[in-house]
Amino acid sequence: MKDNLQKLKMKYIIFITIFFTILYKGAEFYTRTLDYVPSYFMAWEKKIPFLTIFMLPYMTSAPFFFGTFLIVKDEENLKFYVKQAIFLTVVSVTIFFIVPMKFYFPKPEIANPIFNFFFYVLGQLDSSFNQCPSLHVSFAFLSIAIYCKEMKTKLKYLISIWGFLIAISVHFVYQHHFIDFVGGVIMFLITWYIFPKFIKSVKK
């Protein structure tokens, strides 16, 4: 039984990775073809410092999310979390197509060769498009919620702190504006609280 669950987890991890990449990169490709893509930010955001150290939590977003698969002990919950991830991705990417945005602030020069490499990798994997709602933020909070629900030890509090650092890192590595952060939080709340109620009503 456990072996079947582990195999199912690996299948879902592979599926979500491919599914997410196709949709996310598809939206990015579309936005790149547009002649004009706006940016939305407030004046105070220009005072946010660029802190390379926040690249460490930022780059752990994917493994942080997939770590939730490893702690789930119930097949039904696993399938439901996957449905939430699919819902979150589809709705967010749809918004990317309808309201395309880009990040406005240029990243400063990075002297440290290690962090310079990290930002190079980031540039290859991500872009300044696909802004609001921030999937980085949405998945960080979704992951925190799953860890807190599935874990019974105090370790979940340390994991939650790291998840919070992942969420706020989008500001300090100049990847998202505040409106994207708020949009990501709202998208998470919809996914975690409203989506389950919708599923239950459909089953009835």
C-alpha atoms as a PDB file:
ATOM      1  CA  MET A   1       0.000   0.000   0.000  1.00  0.00           C
ATOM      2  CA  LYS A   2       2.803   2.395   0.948  1.00  0.00           C
ATOM      3  CA  ASP A   3       4.720   1.519  -2.222  1.00  0.00           C
ATOM      4  CA  ASN A   4       1.669   2.384  -4.327  1.00  0.00           C
ATOM      5  CA  LEU A   5       1.316   5.715  -2.538  1.00  0.00           C
ATOM      6  CA  GLN A   6       4.992   6.532  -3.101  1.00  0.00           C
ATOM      7  CA  LYS A   7       4.685   5.724  -6.789  1.00  0.00           C
ATOM      8  CA  LEU A   8       1.584   7.892  -7.015  1.00  0.00           C
ATOM      9  CA  LYS A   9       3.463  10.771  -5.362  1.00  0.00           C
ATOM     10  CA  MET A  10       6.271  10.545  -7.922  1.00  0.00           C
ATOM     11  CA  LYS A  11       3.766  10.445 -10.791  1.00  0.00           C
ATOM     12  CA  TYR A  12       2.053  13.571  -9.465  1.00  0.00           C
ATOM     13  CA  ILE A  13       5.362  15.389  -8.986  1.00  0.00           C
ATOM     14  CA  ILE A  14       6.316  14.671 -12.596  1.00  0.00           C
ATOM     15  CA  PHE A  15       2.841  15.602 -13.833  1.00  0.00           C
ATOM     16  CA  ILE A  16       2.685  18.897 -11.916  1.00  0.00           C
ATOM     17  CA  THR A  17       6.188  19.824 -13.079  1.00  0.00           C
ATOM     18  CA  ILE A  18       5.330  19.298 -16.754  1.00  0.00           C
ATOM     19  CA  PHE A  19       1.844  20.794 -16.424  1.00  0.00           C
ATOM     20  CA  PHE A  20       3.117  23.906 -14.627  1.00  0.00           C
ATOM     21  CA  THR A  21       6.050  24.430 -17.004  1.00  0.00           C
ATOM     22  CA  ILE A  22       3.902  24.235 -20.141  1.00  0.00           C
ATOM     23  CA  LEU A  23       1.291  26.687 -18.864  1.00  0.00           C
ATOM     24  CA  TYR A  24       3.741  29.074 -17.204  1.00  0.00           C
ATOM     25  CA  LYS A  25       6.128  29.209 -20.157  1.00  0.00           C
ATOM     26  CA  GLY A  26       3.199  29.461 -22.536  1.00  0.00           C
ATOM     27  CA  ALA A  27       2.002  32.616 -20.786  1.00  0.00           C
ATOM     28  CA  GLU A  28       5.541  33.991 -20.761  1.00  0.00           C
ATOM     29  CA  PHE A  29       5.951  33.336 -24.495  1.00  0.00           C
ATOM     30  CA  TYR A  30       2.655  35.068 -25.220  1.00  0.00           C
ATOM     31  CA  THR A  31       3.574  38.133 -23.160  1.00  0.00           C
ATOM     32  CA  ARG A  32       6.933  38.429 -24.919  1.00  0.00           C
ATOM     33  CA  THR A  33       5.095  38.813 -28.236  1.00  0.00           C
ATOM     34  CA  LEU A  34       3.185  41.893 -27.050  1.00  0.00           C
ATOM     35  CA  ASP A  35       4.321  45.361 -28.059  1.00  0.00           C
ATOM     36  CA  TYR A  36       3.532  46.853 -24.662  1.00  0.00           C
ATOM     37  CA  VAL A  37       3.373  45.219 -21.231  1.00  0.00           C
ATOM     38  CA  PRO A  38       2.601  47.528 -18.284  1.00  0.00           C
ATOM     39  CA  SER A  39       4.040  47.560 -14.771  1.00  0.00           C
ATOM     40  CA  TYR A  40       2.094  48.475 -11.646  1.00  0.00           C
ATOM     41  CA  PHE A  41       3.852  49.544  -8.473  1.00  0.00           C
ATOM     42  CA  MET A  42       3.730  52.202  -5.760  1.00  0.00           C
ATOM     43  CA  ALA A  43       6.354  54.862  -5.121  1.00  0.00           C
ATOM     44  CA  TRP A  44       7.438  53.395  -1.760  1.00  0.00           C
ATOM     45  CA  GLU A  45       8.456  50.154  -3.469  1.00  0.00           C
ATOM     46  CA  LYS A  46      11.470  51.954  -4.940  1.00  0.00           C
ATOM     47  CA  LYS A  47      12.887  52.028  -1.407  1.00  0.00           C
ATOM     48  CA  ILE A  48      12.843  48.228  -1.073  1.00  0.00           C
ATOM     49  CA  PRO A  49      16.499  47.112  -0.911  1.00  0.00           C
ATOM     50  CA  PHE A  50      17.926  44.532  -3.280  1.00  0.00           C
ATOM     51  CA  LEU A  51      19.201  41.758  -0.969  1.00  0.00           C
ATOM     52  CA  THR A  52      20.997  38.889  -2.697  1.00  0.00           C
ATOM     53  CA  ILE A  53      20.780  36.698   0.413  1.00  0.00           C
ATOM     54  CA  PHE A  54      17.053  36.293  -0.258  1.00  0.00           C
ATOM     55  CA  MET A  55      17.939  34.348  -3.374  1.00  0.00           C
ATOM     56  CA  LEU A  56      18.514  31.363  -1.072  1.00  0.00           C
ATOM     57  CA  PRO A  57      14.873  30.996   0.010  1.00  0.00           C
ATOM     58  CA  TYR A  58      13.639  32.129  -3.410  1.00  0.00           C
ATOM     59  CA  MET A  59      15.401  29.280  -5.215  1.00  0.00           C
ATOM     60  CA  THR A  60      13.937  26.670  -2.849  1.00  0.00           C
ATOM     61  CA  SER A  61      10.349  27.368  -3.874  1.00  0.00           C
ATOM     62  CA  ALA A  62       9.916  24.237  -6.005  1.00  0.00           C
ATOM     63  CA  PRO A  63      11.508  21.729  -3.590  1.00  0.00           C
ATOM     64  CA  PHE A  64       9.590  23.392  -0.731  1.00  0.00           C
ATOM     65  CA  PHE A  65       6.311  22.701  -2.526  1.00  0.00           C
ATOM     66  CA  PHE A  66       7.195  19.182  -3.648  1.00  0.00           C
ATOM     67  CA  GLY A  67       8.253  18.411  -0.089  1.00  0.00           C
ATOM     68  CA  THR A  68       4.581  18.547   0.819  1.00  0.00           C
ATOM     69  CA  PHE A  69       4.003  15.454  -1.322  1.00  0.00           C
ATOM     70  CA  LEU A  70       6.454  13.482   0.807  1.00  0.00           C
ATOM     71  CA  ILE A  71       4.653  14.080   4.095  1.00  0.00           C
ATOM     72  CA  VAL A  72       1.126  13.264   2.918  1.00  0.00           C
ATOM     73  CA  LYS A  73       0.064   9.905   4.305  1.00  0.00           C
ATOM     74  CA  ASP A  74      -3.359   9.663   2.693  1.00  0.00           C
ATOM     75  CA  GLU A  75      -4.057   9.126  -1.008  1.00  0.00           C
ATOM     76  CA  GLU A  76      -7.288  11.115  -0.870  1.00  0.00           C
ATOM     77  CA  ASN A  77      -5.546  14.174   0.592  1.00  0.00           C
ATOM     78  CA  LEU A  78      -2.730  13.823  -1.927  1.00  0.00           C
ATOM     79  CA  LYS A  79      -5.161  13.883  -4.844  1.00  0.00           C
ATOM     80  CA  PHE A  80      -6.958  16.871  -3.350  1.00  0.00           C
ATOM     81  CA  TYR A  81      -3.716  18.868  -2.952  1.00  0.00           C
ATOM     82  CA  VAL A  82      -2.902  18.120  -6.575  1.00  0.00           C
ATOM     83  CA  LYS A  83      -6.317  19.437  -7.599  1.00  0.00           C
ATOM     84  CA  GLN A  84      -5.626  22.603  -5.621  1.00  0.00           C
ATOM     85  CA  ALA A  85      -2.259  23.028  -7.339  1.00  0.00           C
ATOM     86  CA  ILE A  86      -3.876  22.559 -10.758  1.00  0.00           C
ATOM     87  CA  PHE A  87      -6.648  25.023  -9.932  1.00  0.00           C
ATOM     88  CA  LEU A  88      -4.164  27.582  -8.621  1.00  0.00           C
ATOM     89  CA  THR A  89      -1.989  27.279 -11.720  1.00  0.00           C
ATOM     90  CA  VAL A  90      -4.803  27.367 -14.287  1.00  0.00           C
ATOM     91  CA  VAL A  91      -6.543  30.406 -12.783  1.00  0.00           C
ATOM     92  CA  SER A  92      -3.287  32.325 -12.305  1.00  0.00           C
ATOM     93  CA  VAL A  93      -2.031  31.618 -15.821  1.00  0.00           C
ATOM     94  CA  THR A  94      -5.412  32.637 -17.239  1.00  0.00           C
ATOM     95  CA  ILE A  95      -4.990  35.990 -15.477  1.00  0.00           C
ATOM     96  CA  PHE A  96      -1.473  36.282 -16.940  1.00  0.00           C
ATOM     97  CA  PHE A  97      -3.001  36.060 -20.415  1.00  0.00           C
ATOM     98  CA  ILE A  98      -5.832  38.490 -19.665  1.00  0.00           C
ATOM     99  CA  VAL A  99      -3.812  41.050 -17.701  1.00  0.00           C
ATOM    100  CA  PRO A 100      -0.143  40.690 -18.667  1.00  0.00           C
ATOM    101  CA  MET A 101       2.347  42.581 -16.495  1.00  0.00           C
ATOM    102  CA  LYS A 102       6.086  42.874 -16.066  1.00  0.00           C
ATOM    103  CA  PHE A 103       8.469  43.810 -13.275  1.00  0.00           C
ATOM    104  CA  TYR A 104       9.789  47.336 -13.661  1.00  0.00           C
ATOM    105  CA  PHE A 105      12.950  47.712 -11.549  1.00  0.00           C
ATOM    106  CA  PRO A 106      16.261  46.635 -13.115  1.00  0.00           C
ATOM    107  CA  LYS A 107      18.419  44.303 -11.044  1.00  0.00           C
ATOM    108  CA  PRO A 108      21.710  45.907  -9.932  1.00  0.00           C
ATOM    109  CA  GLU A 109      25.124  44.401 -10.644  1.00  0.00           C
ATOM    110  CA  ILE A 110      26.026  41.470  -8.395  1.00  0.00           C
ATOM    111  CA  ALA A 111      29.662  41.237  -7.316  1.00  0.00           C
ATOM    112  CA  ASN A 112      29.493  37.912  -5.484  1.00  0.00           C
ATOM    113  CA  PRO A 113      30.149  35.156  -8.091  1.00  0.00           C
ATOM    114  CA  ILE A 114      27.984  32.590  -6.287  1.00  0.00           C
ATOM    115  CA  PHE A 115      24.928  34.822  -6.103  1.00  0.00           C
ATOM    116  CA  ASN A 116      25.665  36.060  -9.592  1.00  0.00           C
ATOM    117  CA  PHE A 117      25.370  32.448 -10.757  1.00  0.00           C
ATOM    118  CA  PHE A 118      22.098  32.033  -8.842  1.00  0.00           C
ATOM    119  CA  PHE A 119      20.623  35.075 -10.567  1.00  0.00           C
ATOM    120  CA  TYR A 120      21.860  33.786 -13.912  1.00  0.00           C
ATOM    121  CA  VAL A 121      19.987  30.526 -13.280  1.00  0.00           C
ATOM    122  CA  LEU A 122      16.936  32.540 -12.227  1.00  0.00           C
ATOM    123  CA  GLY A 123      17.105  34.471 -15.491  1.00  0.00           C
ATOM    124  CA  GLN A 124      17.093  31.209 -17.431  1.00  0.00           C
ATOM    125  CA  LEU A 125      14.181  29.694 -15.504  1.00  0.00           C
ATOM    126  CA  ASP A 126      12.056  32.769 -14.862  1.00  0.00           C
ATOM    127  CA  SER A 127      11.460  36.191 -16.366  1.00  0.00           C
ATOM    128  CA  SER A 128      10.073  39.606 -15.511  1.00  0.00           C
ATOM    129  CA  PHE A 129       6.649  38.527 -16.828  1.00  0.00           C
ATOM    130  CA  ASN A 130       3.846  36.420 -15.260  1.00  0.00           C
ATOM    131  CA  GLN A 131       3.541  38.863 -12.398  1.00  0.00           C
ATOM    132  CA  CYS A 132       0.120  39.061 -10.779  1.00  0.00           C
ATOM    133  CA  PRO A 133      -0.899  36.938  -8.987  1.00  0.00           C
ATOM    134  CA  SER A 134       2.561  35.761  -7.941  1.00  0.00           C
ATOM    135  CA  LEU A 135       2.613  31.991  -8.192  1.00  0.00           C
ATOM    136  CA  HIS A 136       5.760  32.062  -6.082  1.00  0.00           C
ATOM    137  CA  VAL A 137       3.755  33.607  -3.247  1.00  0.00           C
ATOM    138  CA  SER A 138       0.647  31.472  -3.788  1.00  0.00           C
ATOM    139  CA  PHE A 139       2.547  28.197  -3.741  1.00  0.00           C
ATOM    140  CA  ALA A 140       4.629  29.269  -0.737  1.00  0.00           C
ATOM    141  CA  PHE A 141       1.515  29.838   1.373  1.00  0.00           C
ATOM    142  CA  LEU A 142      -0.241  26.779  -0.043  1.00  0.00           C
ATOM    143  CA  SER A 143       2.779  24.699   0.952  1.00  0.00           C
ATOM    144  CA  ILE A 144       2.805  26.209   4.454  1.00  0.00           C
ATOM    145  CA  ALA A 145      -0.868  25.326   4.856  1.00  0.00           C
ATOM    146  CA  ILE A 146      -0.248  21.723   3.788  1.00  0.00           C
ATOM    147  CA  TYR A 147       2.779  21.320   6.073  1.00  0.00           C
ATOM    148  CA  CYS A 148       0.813  22.691   9.023  1.00  0.00           C
ATOM    149  CA  LYS A 149      -2.129  20.397   8.301  1.00  0.00           C
ATOM    150  CA  GLU A 150      -0.118  17.229   7.752  1.00  0.00           C
ATOM    151  CA  MET A 151       2.696  17.606  10.298  1.00  0.00           C
ATOM    152  CA  LYS A 152       2.101  17.048  14.010  1.00  0.00           C
ATOM    153  CA  THR A 153       5.515  18.159  15.310  1.00  0.00           C
ATOM    154  CA  LYS A 154       6.809  21.635  16.145  1.00  0.00           C
ATOM    155  CA  LEU A 155       9.087  21.393  13.108  1.00  0.00           C
ATOM    156  CA  LYS A 156       6.169  22.709  11.079  1.00  0.00           C
ATOM    157  CA  TYR A 157       6.681  26.135  12.662  1.00  0.00           C
ATOM    158  CA  LEU A 158      10.281  26.358  11.430  1.00  0.00           C
ATOM    159  CA  ILE A 159       9.142  25.165   8.002  1.00  0.00           C
ATOM    160  CA  SER A 160       6.420  27.834   8.027  1.00  0.00           C
ATOM    161  CA  ILE A 161       9.015  30.530   8.729  1.00  0.00           C
ATOM    162  CA  TRP A 162      11.055  29.359   5.746  1.00  0.00           C
ATOM    163  CA  GLY A 163       7.926  29.361   3.611  1.00  0.00           C
ATOM    164  CA  PHE A 164       7.237  32.935   4.674  1.00  0.00           C
ATOM    165  CA  LEU A 165      10.795  33.886   3.667  1.00  0.00           C
ATOM    166  CA  ILE A 166      10.161  32.300   0.271  1.00  0.00           C
ATOM    167  CA  ALA A 167       7.028  34.408  -0.118  1.00  0.00           C
ATOM    168  CA  ILE A 168       8.600  37.767   0.824  1.00  0.00           C
ATOM    169  CA  SER A 169      11.820  37.029  -1.081  1.00  0.00           C
ATOM    170  CA  VAL A 170      10.052  38.053  -4.297  1.00  0.00           C
ATOM    171  CA  HIS A 171      10.427  41.681  -3.189  1.00  0.00           C
ATOM    172  CA  PHE A 172      14.095  41.605  -2.235  1.00  0.00           C
ATOM    173  CA  VAL A 173      15.338  39.844  -5.373  1.00  0.00           C
ATOM    174  CA  TYR A 174      13.356  42.273  -7.537  1.00  0.00           C
ATOM    175  CA  GLN A 175      11.075  39.694  -9.066  1.00  0.00           C
ATOM    176  CA  HIS A 176       7.618  40.935  -8.051  1.00  0.00           C
ATOM    177  CA  HIS A 177       5.844  44.138  -7.072  1.00  0.00           C
ATOM    178  CA  PHE A 178       3.561  44.465  -4.045  1.00  0.00           C
ATOM    179  CA  ILE A 179       0.394  44.099  -6.125  1.00  0.00           C
ATOM    180  CA  ASP A 180       1.702  40.709  -7.272  1.00  0.00           C
ATOM    181  CA  PHE A 181       2.282  39.671  -3.655  1.00  0.00           C
ATOM    182  CA  VAL A 182      -1.253  40.664  -2.654  1.00  0.00           C
ATOM    183  CA  GLY A 183      -2.651  38.887  -5.699  1.00  0.00           C
ATOM    184  CA  GLY A 184      -0.712  35.760  -4.762  1.00  0.00           C
ATOM    185  CA  VAL A 185      -2.073  35.809  -1.213  1.00  0.00           C
ATOM    186  CA  ILE A 186      -5.636  36.268  -2.483  1.00  0.00           C
ATOM    187  CA  MET A 187      -5.171  33.423  -4.963  1.00  0.00           C
ATOM    188  CA  PHE A 188      -3.926  31.181  -2.139  1.00  0.00           C
ATOM    189  CA  LEU A 189      -6.920  32.053   0.047  1.00  0.00           C
ATOM    190  CA  ILE A 190      -9.304  31.265  -2.790  1.00  0.00           C
ATOM    191  CA  THR A 191      -7.561  27.950  -3.409  1.00  0.00           C
ATOM    192  CA  TRP A 192      -7.355  26.899   0.242  1.00  0.00           C
ATOM    193  CA  TYR A 193     -10.767  28.027   1.498  1.00  0.00           C
ATOM    194  CA  ILE A 194     -13.165  28.583  -1.391  1.00  0.00           C
ATOM    195  CA  PHE A 195     -12.062  25.832  -3.789  1.00  0.00           C
ATOM    196  CA  PRO A 196     -12.667  23.022  -1.235  1.00  0.00           C
ATOM    197  CA  LYS A 197     -16.182  24.300  -0.582  1.00  0.00           C
ATOM    198  CA  PHE A 198     -16.847  24.330  -4.323  1.00  0.00           C
ATOM    199  CA  ILE A 199     -15.635  20.742  -4.643  1.00  0.00           C
ATOM    200  CA  LYS A 200     -17.867  19.621  -1.779  1.00  0.00           C
ATOM    201  CA  SER A 201     -20.911  21.330  -3.275  1.00  0.00           C
ATOM    202  CA  VAL A 202     -20.273  19.636  -6.641  1.00  0.00           C
ATOM    203  CA  LYS A 203     -20.036  16.212  -4.970  1.00  0.00           C
ATOM    204  CA  LYS A 204     -23.370  16.776  -3.257  1.00  0.00           C
END
